[in-house]
Protein backbone atom coordinates (compact mmCIF):
# COMPACT_ATOMS: atom_id res chain seq x y z
CA MET A 1 202.41 42.07 63.66
CA VAL A 2 200.77 43.51 60.54
CA VAL A 3 199.61 47.07 60.09
CA SER A 4 196.11 47.40 58.67
CA TYR A 5 195.08 50.50 56.75
CA ASN A 6 191.50 49.32 56.18
CA GLY A 7 190.15 52.52 57.71
CA LEU A 8 192.17 54.58 55.26
CA TRP A 9 191.02 52.56 52.25
CA LYS A 10 187.38 52.91 53.34
CA LYS A 11 187.76 56.67 53.71
CA MET A 12 189.36 56.86 50.28
CA ILE A 13 186.45 54.92 48.74
CA ASP A 14 183.96 57.25 50.45
CA LYS A 15 185.74 60.26 48.94
CA LYS A 16 186.25 58.50 45.59
CA LEU A 17 190.03 58.84 45.87
CA GLN A 18 192.71 56.62 44.43
CA LYS A 19 196.16 55.95 45.84
CA GLN A 20 197.81 58.35 43.39
CA ASP A 21 195.56 61.10 44.78
CA LEU A 22 197.39 60.77 48.10
CA VAL A 23 200.65 61.37 46.26
CA LYS A 24 199.27 64.46 44.48
CA GLU A 25 197.17 66.02 47.23
CA LEU A 26 199.26 65.22 50.32
CA GLY A 27 202.72 65.12 48.81
CA LEU A 28 203.31 61.53 49.92
CA SER A 29 205.87 59.53 48.00
CA SER A 30 204.65 56.67 45.86
CA ALA A 31 206.97 54.42 47.91
CA THR A 32 205.12 55.40 51.10
CA VAL A 33 201.74 54.67 49.52
CA ALA A 34 203.12 51.33 48.28
CA LYS A 35 204.27 50.47 51.82
CA MET A 36 200.76 51.11 53.13
CA GLY A 37 199.36 48.92 50.35
CA LYS A 38 201.59 46.09 51.59
CA GLY A 39 200.59 46.59 55.23
CA GLU A 40 204.01 47.95 56.22
CA PRO A 41 204.45 50.66 58.85
CA VAL A 42 204.91 54.31 57.85
CA SER A 43 206.06 57.29 59.89
CA ASN A 44 203.89 59.08 62.41
CA LYS A 45 204.29 62.23 60.31
CA VAL A 46 202.55 60.48 57.39
CA LEU A 47 199.78 59.18 59.65
CA GLU A 48 199.22 62.65 61.12
CA LYS A 49 199.07 64.14 57.61
CA LEU A 50 196.45 61.56 56.60
CA ALA A 51 194.42 62.10 59.78
CA LYS A 52 194.39 65.85 59.24
CA TYR A 53 193.37 65.45 55.58
CA PHE A 54 190.51 63.07 56.42
CA GLU A 55 189.60 65.02 59.60
CA CYS A 56 189.81 61.97 61.84
CA SER A 57 192.12 60.32 64.34
CA VAL A 58 195.08 58.13 63.40
CA SER A 59 193.32 55.14 64.98
CA GLU A 60 190.51 55.53 62.41
CA ILE A 61 193.05 55.18 59.59
CA MET A 62 195.25 52.35 60.76
CA SER A 63 195.43 49.58 63.31
CA TYR A 64 197.72 46.71 64.29
CA GLU A 65 196.57 43.15 63.72
């Protein structure tokens, strides 16, 4: 099973954000952002932080494929 963060990437494009902006603005580690880039799972805490930042639900950010 692969984790897809396509919803997150689309939201980032809409807001003109780059991956390093998640590190700066949300305090995520670059390793966590790299894991998402590879389609690897991250903690629920990270997903909740992203959902709060983008004002959406976790299911809008990631899905399982």
